[in-house]
Amino acid sequence: FHNLLSAFSALENVMMPILGDVGWPDGAMMERAAKLLAS
């Protein structure tokens, strides 16, 4: 059971672990999440 946050987008869900570690969103984080979704 994937435990995704249903109200958030796919990109936002992928960003969550990085956000939890860094503490704030930035362009690099969004780029990393986008590349992972592309993969």
PDB file of all heavy atoms in Angstrom:
ATOM      1  N   PHE A   1       0.876  -1.170   0.000  1.00  0.00           N
ATOM      2  CA  PHE A   1       0.000   0.000   0.000  1.00  0.00           C
ATOM      3  C   PHE A   1       0.910   1.215   0.000  1.00  0.00           C
ATOM      4  O   PHE A   1       1.668   1.436   0.944  1.00  0.00           O
ATOM      5  CB  PHE A   1      -0.923  -0.031   1.217  1.00  0.00           C
ATOM      6  CG  PHE A   1      -1.775  -1.271   1.255  1.00  0.00           C
ATOM      7  CD1 PHE A   1      -1.424  -2.336   2.067  1.00  0.00           C
ATOM      8  CD2 PHE A   1      -2.892  -1.395   0.444  1.00  0.00           C
ATOM      9  CE1 PHE A   1      -2.188  -3.497   2.092  1.00  0.00           C
ATOM     10  CE2 PHE A   1      -3.664  -2.553   0.456  1.00  0.00           C
ATOM     11  CZ  PHE A   1      -3.310  -3.600   1.290  1.00  0.00           C
ATOM     12  N   HIS A   2       0.854   1.990  -1.061  1.00  0.00           N
ATOM     13  CA  HIS A   2       1.887   2.968  -1.376  1.00  0.00           C
ATOM     14  C   HIS A   2       2.019   4.113  -0.392  1.00  0.00           C
ATOM     15  O   HIS A   2       3.042   4.774  -0.335  1.00  0.00           O
ATOM     16  CB  HIS A   2       1.645   3.529  -2.776  1.00  0.00           C
ATOM     17  CG  HIS A   2       0.223   3.933  -3.017  1.00  0.00           C
ATOM     18  ND1 HIS A   2      -0.345   5.037  -2.422  1.00  0.00           N
ATOM     19  CD2 HIS A   2      -0.747   3.356  -3.778  1.00  0.00           C
ATOM     20  CE1 HIS A   2      -1.603   5.146  -2.816  1.00  0.00           C
ATOM     21  NE2 HIS A   2      -1.881   4.142  -3.641  1.00  0.00           N
ATOM     22  N   ASN A   3       0.980   4.403   0.413  1.00  0.00           N
ATOM     23  CA  ASN A   3       1.054   5.458   1.436  1.00  0.00           C
ATOM     24  C   ASN A   3       1.405   6.830   0.858  1.00  0.00           C
ATOM     25  O   ASN A   3       2.118   7.617   1.482  1.00  0.00           O
ATOM     26  CB  ASN A   3       2.077   5.091   2.526  1.00  0.00           C
ATOM     27  CG  ASN A   3       1.732   3.807   3.238  1.00  0.00           C
ATOM     28  OD1 ASN A   3       0.585   3.586   3.612  1.00  0.00           O
ATOM     29  ND2 ASN A   3       2.715   2.935   3.424  1.00  0.00           N
ATOM     30  N   LEU A   4       0.891   7.104  -0.333  1.00  0.00           N
ATOM     31  CA  LEU A   4       1.084   8.429  -0.913  1.00  0.00           C
ATOM     32  C   LEU A   4       0.103   9.418  -0.305  1.00  0.00           C
ATOM     33  O   LEU A   4      -0.932   9.028   0.261  1.00  0.00           O
ATOM     34  CB  LEU A   4       0.881   8.369  -2.430  1.00  0.00           C
ATOM     35  CG  LEU A   4       1.841   7.472  -3.216  1.00  0.00           C
ATOM     36  CD1 LEU A   4       1.394   7.373  -4.671  1.00  0.00           C
ATOM     37  CD2 LEU A   4       3.272   7.968  -3.121  1.00  0.00           C
ATOM     38  N   LEU A   5       0.403  10.702  -0.434  1.00  0.00           N
ATOM     39  CA  LEU A   5      -0.498  11.758   0.032  1.00  0.00           C
ATOM     40  C   LEU A   5      -1.416  12.122  -1.127  1.00  0.00           C
ATOM     41  O   LEU A   5      -1.011  12.792  -2.074  1.00  0.00           O
ATOM     42  CB  LEU A   5       0.312  12.964   0.496  1.00  0.00           C
ATOM     43  CG  LEU A   5       1.277  12.677   1.653  1.00  0.00           C
ATOM     44  CD1 LEU A   5       2.155  13.888   1.944  1.00  0.00           C
ATOM     45  CD2 LEU A   5       0.503  12.271   2.904  1.00  0.00           C
ATOM     46  N   SER A   6      -2.665  11.664  -1.036  1.00  0.00           N
ATOM     47  CA  SER A   6      -3.564  11.693  -2.188  1.00  0.00           C
ATOM     48  C   SER A   6      -3.893  13.100  -2.681  1.00  0.00           C
ATOM     49  O   SER A   6      -4.189  13.296  -3.856  1.00  0.00           O
ATOM     50  CB  SER A   6      -4.861  10.942  -1.859  1.00  0.00           C
ATOM     51  OG  SER A   6      -5.514  11.534  -0.751  1.00  0.00           O
ATOM     52  N   ALA A   7      -3.854  14.092  -1.800  1.00  0.00           N
ATOM     53  CA  ALA A   7      -4.207  15.456  -2.199  1.00  0.00           C
ATOM     54  C   ALA A   7      -3.057  16.166  -2.917  1.00  0.00           C
ATOM     55  O   ALA A   7      -3.246  17.235  -3.496  1.00  0.00           O
ATOM     56  CB  ALA A   7      -4.630  16.270  -0.983  1.00  0.00           C
ATOM     57  N   PHE A   8      -1.863  15.556  -2.897  1.00  0.00           N
ATOM     58  CA  PHE A   8      -0.694  16.180  -3.499  1.00  0.00           C
ATOM     59  C   PHE A   8      -0.396  15.552  -4.861  1.00  0.00           C
ATOM     60  O   PHE A   8      -0.808  14.430  -5.153  1.00  0.00           O
ATOM     61  CB  PHE A   8       0.520  16.040  -2.583  1.00  0.00           C
ATOM     62  CG  PHE A   8       0.451  16.869  -1.332  1.00  0.00           C
ATOM     63  CD1 PHE A   8      -0.264  16.436  -0.225  1.00  0.00           C
ATOM     64  CD2 PHE A   8       1.084  18.102  -1.274  1.00  0.00           C
ATOM     65  CE1 PHE A   8      -0.336  17.205   0.924  1.00  0.00           C
ATOM     66  CE2 PHE A   8       1.022  18.885  -0.127  1.00  0.00           C
ATOM     67  CZ  PHE A   8       0.298  18.434   0.981  1.00  0.00           C
ATOM     68  N   SER A   9       0.347  16.295  -5.660  1.00  0.00           N
ATOM     69  CA  SER A   9       0.701  15.800  -6.985  1.00  0.00           C
ATOM     70  C   SER A   9       1.778  14.721  -6.879  1.00  0.00           C
ATOM     71  O   SER A   9       2.420  14.538  -5.836  1.00  0.00           O
ATOM     72  CB  SER A   9       1.219  16.947  -7.850  1.00  0.00           C
ATOM     73  OG  SER A   9       2.490  17.388  -7.381  1.00  0.00           O
ATOM     74  N   ALA A  10       1.992  14.032  -7.995  1.00  0.00           N
ATOM     75  CA  ALA A  10       3.065  13.033  -8.051  1.00  0.00           C
ATOM     76  C   ALA A  10       4.408  13.683  -7.736  1.00  0.00           C
ATOM     77  O   ALA A  10       5.209  13.143  -6.958  1.00  0.00           O
ATOM     78  CB  ALA A  10       3.092  12.384  -9.435  1.00  0.00           C
ATOM     79  N   LEU A  11       4.664  14.855  -8.321  1.00  0.00           N
ATOM     80  CA  LEU A  11       5.924  15.557  -8.092  1.00  0.00           C
ATOM     81  C   LEU A  11       6.099  15.911  -6.618  1.00  0.00           C
ATOM     82  O   LEU A  11       7.174  15.706  -6.038  1.00  0.00           O
ATOM     83  CB  LEU A  11       5.966  16.829  -8.941  1.00  0.00           C
ATOM     84  CG  LEU A  11       7.304  17.582  -8.952  1.00  0.00           C
ATOM     85  CD1 LEU A  11       8.343  16.805  -9.753  1.00  0.00           C
ATOM     86  CD2 LEU A  11       7.133  18.983  -9.539  1.00  0.00           C
ATOM     87  N   GLU A  12       5.057  16.419  -6.003  1.00  0.00           N
ATOM     88  CA  GLU A  12       5.135  16.805  -4.591  1.00  0.00           C
ATOM     89  C   GLU A  12       5.372  15.599  -3.695  1.00  0.00           C
ATOM     90  O   GLU A  12       6.122  15.676  -2.709  1.00  0.00           O
ATOM     91  CB  GLU A  12       3.851  17.534  -4.185  1.00  0.00           C
ATOM     92  CG  GLU A  12       3.727  18.919  -4.802  1.00  0.00           C
ATOM     93  CD  GLU A  12       2.327  19.505  -4.685  1.00  0.00           C
ATOM     94  OE1 GLU A  12       1.348  18.734  -4.572  1.00  0.00           O
ATOM     95  OE2 GLU A  12       2.209  20.738  -4.713  1.00  0.00           O
ATOM     96  N   ASN A  13       4.758  14.468  -4.021  1.00  0.00           N
ATOM     97  CA  ASN A  13       4.977  13.255  -3.234  1.00  0.00           C
ATOM     98  C   ASN A  13       6.427  12.799  -3.302  1.00  0.00           C
ATOM     99  O   ASN A  13       7.001  12.388  -2.294  1.00  0.00           O
ATOM    100  CB  ASN A  13       4.053  12.133  -3.717  1.00  0.00           C
ATOM    101  CG  ASN A  13       2.728  12.103  -2.987  1.00  0.00           C
ATOM    102  OD1 ASN A  13       2.599  11.526  -1.913  1.00  0.00           O
ATOM    103  ND2 ASN A  13       1.722  12.749  -3.567  1.00  0.00           N
ATOM    104  N   VAL A  14       7.023  12.866  -4.492  1.00  0.00           N
ATOM    105  CA  VAL A  14       8.415  12.436  -4.646  1.00  0.00           C
ATOM    106  C   VAL A  14       9.363  13.385  -3.916  1.00  0.00           C
ATOM    107  O   VAL A  14      10.413  12.978  -3.411  1.00  0.00           O
ATOM    108  CB  VAL A  14       8.784  12.324  -6.138  1.00  0.00           C
ATOM    109  CG1 VAL A  14      10.258  11.969  -6.315  1.00  0.00           C
ATOM    110  CG2 VAL A  14       7.912  11.266  -6.814  1.00  0.00           C
ATOM    111  N   MET A  15       8.984  14.653  -3.820  1.00  0.00           N
ATOM    112  CA  MET A  15       9.826  15.637  -3.147  1.00  0.00           C
ATOM    113  C   MET A  15       9.836  15.483  -1.629  1.00  0.00           C
ATOM    114  O   MET A  15      10.753  15.977  -0.957  1.00  0.00           O
ATOM    115  CB  MET A  15       9.355  17.058  -3.500  1.00  0.00           C
ATOM    116  CG  MET A  15       9.647  17.483  -4.920  1.00  0.00           C
ATOM    117  SD  MET A  15       8.830  19.062  -5.359  1.00  0.00           S
ATOM    118  CE  MET A  15       9.537  20.191  -4.162  1.00  0.00           C
ATOM    119  N   MET A  16       8.847  14.793  -1.067  1.00  0.00           N
ATOM    120  CA  MET A  16       8.669  14.758   0.390  1.00  0.00           C
ATOM    121  C   MET A  16       9.899  14.291   1.175  1.00  0.00           C
ATOM    122  O   MET A  16      10.281  14.932   2.174  1.00  0.00           O
ATOM    123  CB  MET A  16       7.457  13.903   0.759  1.00  0.00           C
ATOM    124  CG  MET A  16       6.121  14.529   0.432  1.00  0.00           C
ATOM    125  SD  MET A  16       5.855  16.087   1.313  1.00  0.00           S
ATOM    126  CE  MET A  16       4.297  16.615   0.572  1.00  0.00           C
ATOM    127  N   PRO A  17      10.562  13.183   0.799  1.00  0.00           N
ATOM    128  CA  PRO A  17      11.729  12.768   1.589  1.00  0.00           C
ATOM    129  C   PRO A  17      12.864  13.797   1.567  1.00  0.00           C
ATOM    130  O   PRO A  17      13.546  13.992   2.578  1.00  0.00           O
ATOM    131  CB  PRO A  17      12.174  11.462   0.906  1.00  0.00           C
ATOM    132  CG  PRO A  17      10.963  10.969   0.192  1.00  0.00           C
ATOM    133  CD  PRO A  17      10.247  12.196  -0.265  1.00  0.00           C
ATOM    134  N   ILE A  18      13.063  14.451   0.408  1.00  0.00           N
ATOM    135  CA  ILE A  18      14.116  15.463   0.309  1.00  0.00           C
ATOM    136  C   ILE A  18      13.731  16.679   1.149  1.00  0.00           C
ATOM    137  O   ILE A  18      14.560  17.254   1.851  1.00  0.00           O
ATOM    138  CB  ILE A  18      14.351  15.886  -1.149  1.00  0.00           C
ATOM    139  CG1 ILE A  18      14.395  14.679  -2.079  1.00  0.00           C
ATOM    140  CG2 ILE A  18      15.648  16.688  -1.263  1.00  0.00           C
ATOM    141  CD1 ILE A  18      14.455  15.027  -3.553  1.00  0.00           C
ATOM    142  N   LEU A  19      12.468  17.053   1.094  1.00  0.00           N
ATOM    143  CA  LEU A  19      11.976  18.187   1.877  1.00  0.00           C
ATOM    144  C   LEU A  19      12.161  17.928   3.370  1.00  0.00           C
ATOM    145  O   LEU A  19      12.560  18.815   4.132  1.00  0.00           O
ATOM    146  CB  LEU A  19      10.503  18.445   1.559  1.00  0.00           C
ATOM    147  CG  LEU A  19       9.847  19.666   2.203  1.00  0.00           C
ATOM    148  CD1 LEU A  19      10.534  20.945   1.752  1.00  0.00           C
ATOM    149  CD2 LEU A  19       8.362  19.712   1.863  1.00  0.00           C
ATOM    150  N   GLY A  20      11.891  16.683   3.777  1.00  0.00           N
ATOM    151  CA  GLY A  20      12.052  16.332   5.180  1.00  0.00           C
ATOM    152  C   GLY A  20      13.497  16.428   5.637  1.00  0.00           C
ATOM    153  O   GLY A  20      13.782  16.721   6.800  1.00  0.00           O
ATOM    154  N   ASP A  21      14.430  16.201   4.712  1.00  0.00           N
ATOM    155  CA  ASP A  21      15.852  16.260   5.055  1.00  0.00           C
ATOM    156  C   ASP A  21      16.398  17.680   4.979  1.00  0.00           C
ATOM    157  O   ASP A  21      17.137  18.119   5.854  1.00  0.00           O
ATOM    158  CB  ASP A  21      16.643  15.351   4.094  1.00  0.00           C
ATOM    159  CG  ASP A  21      18.114  15.271   4.459  1.00  0.00           C
ATOM    160  OD1 ASP A  21      18.418  14.829   5.584  1.00  0.00           O
ATOM    161  OD2 ASP A  21      18.955  15.641   3.622  1.00  0.00           O
ATOM    162  N   VAL A  22      16.016  18.409   3.935  1.00  0.00           N
ATOM    163  CA  VAL A  22      16.561  19.762   3.711  1.00  0.00           C
ATOM    164  C   VAL A  22      15.783  20.821   4.485  1.00  0.00           C
ATOM    165  O   VAL A  22      16.353  21.761   5.031  1.00  0.00           O
ATOM    166  CB  VAL A  22      16.564  20.094   2.199  1.00  0.00           C
ATOM    167  CG1 VAL A  22      17.042  21.512   1.951  1.00  0.00           C
ATOM    168  CG2 VAL A  22      17.434  19.097   1.453  1.00  0.00           C
ATOM    169  N   GLY A  23      14.442  20.671   4.500  1.00  0.00           N
ATOM    170  CA  GLY A  23      13.624  21.584   5.289  1.00  0.00           C
ATOM    171  C   GLY A  23      12.896  22.651   4.503  1.00  0.00           C
ATOM    172  O   GLY A  23      11.996  23.298   5.026  1.00  0.00           O
ATOM    173  N   TRP A  24      13.273  22.850   3.247  1.00  0.00           N
ATOM    174  CA  TRP A  24      12.577  23.844   2.420  1.00  0.00           C
ATOM    175  C   TRP A  24      12.706  23.443   0.949  1.00  0.00           C
ATOM    176  O   TRP A  24      13.686  22.824   0.549  1.00  0.00           O
ATOM    177  CB  TRP A  24      13.170  25.247   2.631  1.00  0.00           C
ATOM    178  CG  TRP A  24      14.615  25.357   2.264  1.00  0.00           C
ATOM    179  CD1 TRP A  24      15.149  25.636   1.046  1.00  0.00           C
ATOM    180  CD2 TRP A  24      15.746  25.146   3.127  1.00  0.00           C
ATOM    181  NE1 TRP A  24      16.512  25.621   1.083  1.00  0.00           N
ATOM    182  CE2 TRP A  24      16.912  25.327   2.350  1.00  0.00           C
ATOM    183  CE3 TRP A  24      15.870  24.836   4.489  1.00  0.00           C
ATOM    184  CZ2 TRP A  24      18.194  25.203   2.897  1.00  0.00           C
ATOM    185  CZ3 TRP A  24      17.138  24.706   5.012  1.00  0.00           C
ATOM    186  CH2 TRP A  24      18.281  24.890   4.228  1.00  0.00           C
ATOM    187  N   PRO A  25      11.719  23.781   0.121  1.00  0.00           N
ATOM    188  CA  PRO A  25      11.766  23.397  -1.292  1.00  0.00           C
ATOM    189  C   PRO A  25      12.673  24.332  -2.082  1.00  0.00           C
ATOM    190  O   PRO A  25      12.810  25.513  -1.763  1.00  0.00           O
ATOM    191  CB  PRO A  25      10.304  23.545  -1.740  1.00  0.00           C
ATOM    192  CG  PRO A  25       9.735  24.574  -0.822  1.00  0.00           C
ATOM    193  CD  PRO A  25      10.444  24.422   0.492  1.00  0.00           C
ATOM    194  N   ASP A  26      13.331  23.772  -3.091  1.00  0.00           N
ATOM    195  CA  ASP A  26      14.123  24.611  -3.984  1.00  0.00           C
ATOM    196  C   ASP A  26      14.107  23.996  -5.382  1.00  0.00           C
ATOM    197  O   ASP A  26      13.553  22.918  -5.603  1.00  0.00           O
ATOM    198  CB  ASP A  26      15.559  24.790  -3.471  1.00  0.00           C
ATOM    199  CG  ASP A  26      16.302  23.469  -3.300  1.00  0.00           C
ATOM    200  OD1 ASP A  26      15.952  22.482  -3.984  1.00  0.00           O
ATOM    201  OD2 ASP A  26      17.237  23.423  -2.488  1.00  0.00           O
ATOM    202  N   GLY A  27      14.721  24.688  -6.319  1.00  0.00           N
ATOM    203  CA  GLY A  27      14.699  24.237  -7.704  1.00  0.00           C
ATOM    204  C   GLY A  27      15.392  22.904  -7.904  1.00  0.00           C
ATOM    205  O   GLY A  27      14.940  22.072  -8.694  1.00  0.00           O
ATOM    206  N   ALA A  28      16.491  22.678  -7.189  1.00  0.00           N
ATOM    207  CA  ALA A  28      17.239  21.430  -7.330  1.00  0.00           C
ATOM    208  C   ALA A  28      16.394  20.234  -6.881  1.00  0.00           C
ATOM    209  O   ALA A  28      16.426  19.164  -7.485  1.00  0.00           O
ATOM    210  CB  ALA A  28      18.528  21.503  -6.526  1.00  0.00           C
ATOM    211  N   MET A  29      15.631  20.455  -5.810  1.00  0.00           N
ATOM    212  CA  MET A  29      14.756  19.404  -5.305  1.00  0.00           C
ATOM    213  C   MET A  29      13.680  19.055  -6.324  1.00  0.00           C
ATOM    214  O   MET A  29      13.405  17.879  -6.596  1.00  0.00           O
ATOM    215  CB  MET A  29      14.106  19.877  -3.998  1.00  0.00           C
ATOM    216  CG  MET A  29      13.271  18.832  -3.278  1.00  0.00           C
ATOM    217  SD  MET A  29      12.364  19.568  -1.884  1.00  0.00           S
ATOM    218  CE  MET A  29      13.701  20.308  -0.937  1.00  0.00           C
ATOM    219  N   MET A  30      13.095  20.080  -6.921  1.00  0.00           N
ATOM    220  CA  MET A  30      12.061  19.855  -7.926  1.00  0.00           C
ATOM    221  C   MET A  30      12.630  19.156  -9.156  1.00  0.00           C
ATOM    222  O   MET A  30      12.009  18.259  -9.726  1.00  0.00           O
ATOM    223  CB  MET A  30      11.418  21.195  -8.310  1.00  0.00           C
ATOM    224  CG  MET A  30      10.186  21.073  -9.199  1.00  0.00           C
ATOM    225  SD  MET A  30       9.364  22.684  -9.435  1.00  0.00           S
ATOM    226  CE  MET A  30       8.856  23.057  -7.757  1.00  0.00           C
ATOM    227  N   GLU A  31      13.842  19.546  -9.541  1.00  0.00           N
ATOM    228  CA  GLU A  31      14.495  18.924 -10.691  1.00  0.00           C
ATOM    229  C   GLU A  31      14.782  17.445 -10.418  1.00  0.00           C
ATOM    230  O   GLU A  31      14.585  16.597 -11.286  1.00  0.00           O
ATOM    231  CB  GLU A  31      15.795  19.657 -11.014  1.00  0.00           C
ATOM    232  CG  GLU A  31      16.516  19.111 -12.248  1.00  0.00           C
ATOM    233  CD  GLU A  31      17.794  19.872 -12.560  1.00  0.00           C
ATOM    234  OE1 GLU A  31      18.055  20.889 -11.883  1.00  0.00           O
ATOM    235  OE2 GLU A  31      18.522  19.444 -13.471  1.00  0.00           O
ATOM    236  N   ARG A  32      15.261  17.145  -9.210  1.00  0.00           N
ATOM    237  CA  ARG A  32      15.533  15.756  -8.831  1.00  0.00           C
ATOM    238  C   ARG A  32      14.247  14.924  -8.892  1.00  0.00           C
ATOM    239  O   ARG A  32      14.228  13.815  -9.444  1.00  0.00           O
ATOM    240  CB  ARG A  32      16.115  15.723  -7.417  1.00  0.00           C
ATOM    241  CG  ARG A  32      16.180  14.355  -6.748  1.00  0.00           C
ATOM    242  CD  ARG A  32      17.274  13.498  -7.297  1.00  0.00           C
ATOM    243  NE  ARG A  32      17.412  12.260  -6.547  1.00  0.00           N
ATOM    244  CZ  ARG A  32      17.981  11.164  -7.020  1.00  0.00           C
ATOM    245  NH1 ARG A  32      18.492  11.153  -8.242  1.00  0.00           N
ATOM    246  NH2 ARG A  32      18.074  10.079  -6.294  1.00  0.00           N
ATOM    247  N   ALA A  33      13.153  15.450  -8.346  1.00  0.00           N
ATOM    248  CA  ALA A  33      11.877  14.730  -8.346  1.00  0.00           C
ATOM    249  C   ALA A  33      11.369  14.517  -9.767  1.00  0.00           C
ATOM    250  O   ALA A  33      10.861  13.434 -10.105  1.00  0.00           O
ATOM    251  CB  ALA A  33      10.843  15.498  -7.517  1.00  0.00           C
ATOM    252  N   ALA A  34      11.525  15.530 -10.614  1.00  0.00           N
ATOM    253  CA  ALA A  34      11.077  15.417 -12.002  1.00  0.00           C
ATOM    254  C   ALA A  34      11.873  14.347 -12.748  1.00  0.00           C
ATOM    255  O   ALA A  34      11.315  13.577 -13.541  1.00  0.00           O
ATOM    256  CB  ALA A  34      11.198  16.762 -12.705  1.00  0.00           C
ATOM    257  N   LYS A  35      13.186  14.276 -12.516  1.00  0.00           N
ATOM    258  CA  LYS A  35      14.024  13.265 -13.163  1.00  0.00           C
ATOM    259  C   LYS A  35      13.628  11.861 -12.707  1.00  0.00           C
ATOM    260  O   LYS A  35      13.610  10.917 -13.514  1.00  0.00           O
ATOM    261  CB  LYS A  35      15.490  13.524 -12.855  1.00  0.00           C
ATOM    262  CG  LYS A  35      16.085  14.687 -13.633  1.00  0.00           C
ATOM    263  CD  LYS A  35      17.564  14.853 -13.331  1.00  0.00           C
ATOM    264  CE  LYS A  35      18.170  15.979 -14.167  1.00  0.00           C
ATOM    265  NZ  LYS A  35      19.617  16.170 -13.849  1.00  0.00           N
ATOM    266  N   LEU A  36      13.309  11.723 -11.427  1.00  0.00           N
ATOM    267  CA  LEU A  36      12.902  10.410 -10.911  1.00  0.00           C
ATOM    268  C   LEU A  36      11.576   9.979 -11.531  1.00  0.00           C
ATOM    269  O   LEU A  36      11.407   8.803 -11.889  1.00  0.00           O
ATOM    270  CB  LEU A  36      12.797  10.456  -9.386  1.00  0.00           C
ATOM    271  CG  LEU A  36      14.131  10.467  -8.647  1.00  0.00           C
ATOM    272  CD1 LEU A  36      13.930  10.813  -7.178  1.00  0.00           C
ATOM    273  CD2 LEU A  36      14.840   9.127  -8.777  1.00  0.00           C
ATOM    274  N   LEU A  37      10.647  10.913 -11.670  1.00  0.00           N
ATOM    275  CA  LEU A  37       9.371  10.570 -12.302  1.00  0.00           C
ATOM    276  C   LEU A  37       9.572  10.229 -13.773  1.00  0.00           C
ATOM    277  O   LEU A  37       8.905   9.335 -14.308  1.00  0.00           O
ATOM    278  CB  LEU A  37       8.376  11.720 -12.140  1.00  0.00           C
ATOM    279  CG  LEU A  37       7.771  11.847 -10.742  1.00  0.00           C
ATOM    280  CD1 LEU A  37       6.973  13.142 -10.618  1.00  0.00           C
ATOM    281  CD2 LEU A  37       6.874  10.654 -10.416  1.00  0.00           C
ATOM    282  N   ALA A  38      10.509  10.905 -14.419  1.00  0.00           N
ATOM    283  CA  ALA A  38      10.818  10.557 -15.810  1.00  0.00           C
ATOM    284  C   ALA A  38      11.387   9.147 -15.898  1.00  0.00           C
ATOM    285  O   ALA A  38      11.092   8.395 -16.836  1.00  0.00           O
ATOM    286  CB  ALA A  38      11.812  11.566 -16.387  1.00  0.00           C
ATOM    287  N   SER A  39      12.184   8.749 -14.899  1.00  0.00           N
ATOM    288  CA  SER A  39      12.804   7.424 -14.912  1.00  0.00           C
ATOM    289  C   SER A  39      11.782   6.310 -14.753  1.00  0.00           C
ATOM    290  O   SER A  39      12.050   5.159 -15.127  1.00  0.00           O
ATOM    291  CB  SER A  39      13.857   7.319 -13.800  1.00  0.00           C
ATOM    292  OG  SER A  39      13.257   7.189 -12.524  1.00  0.00           O
TER     293      SER A  39
END
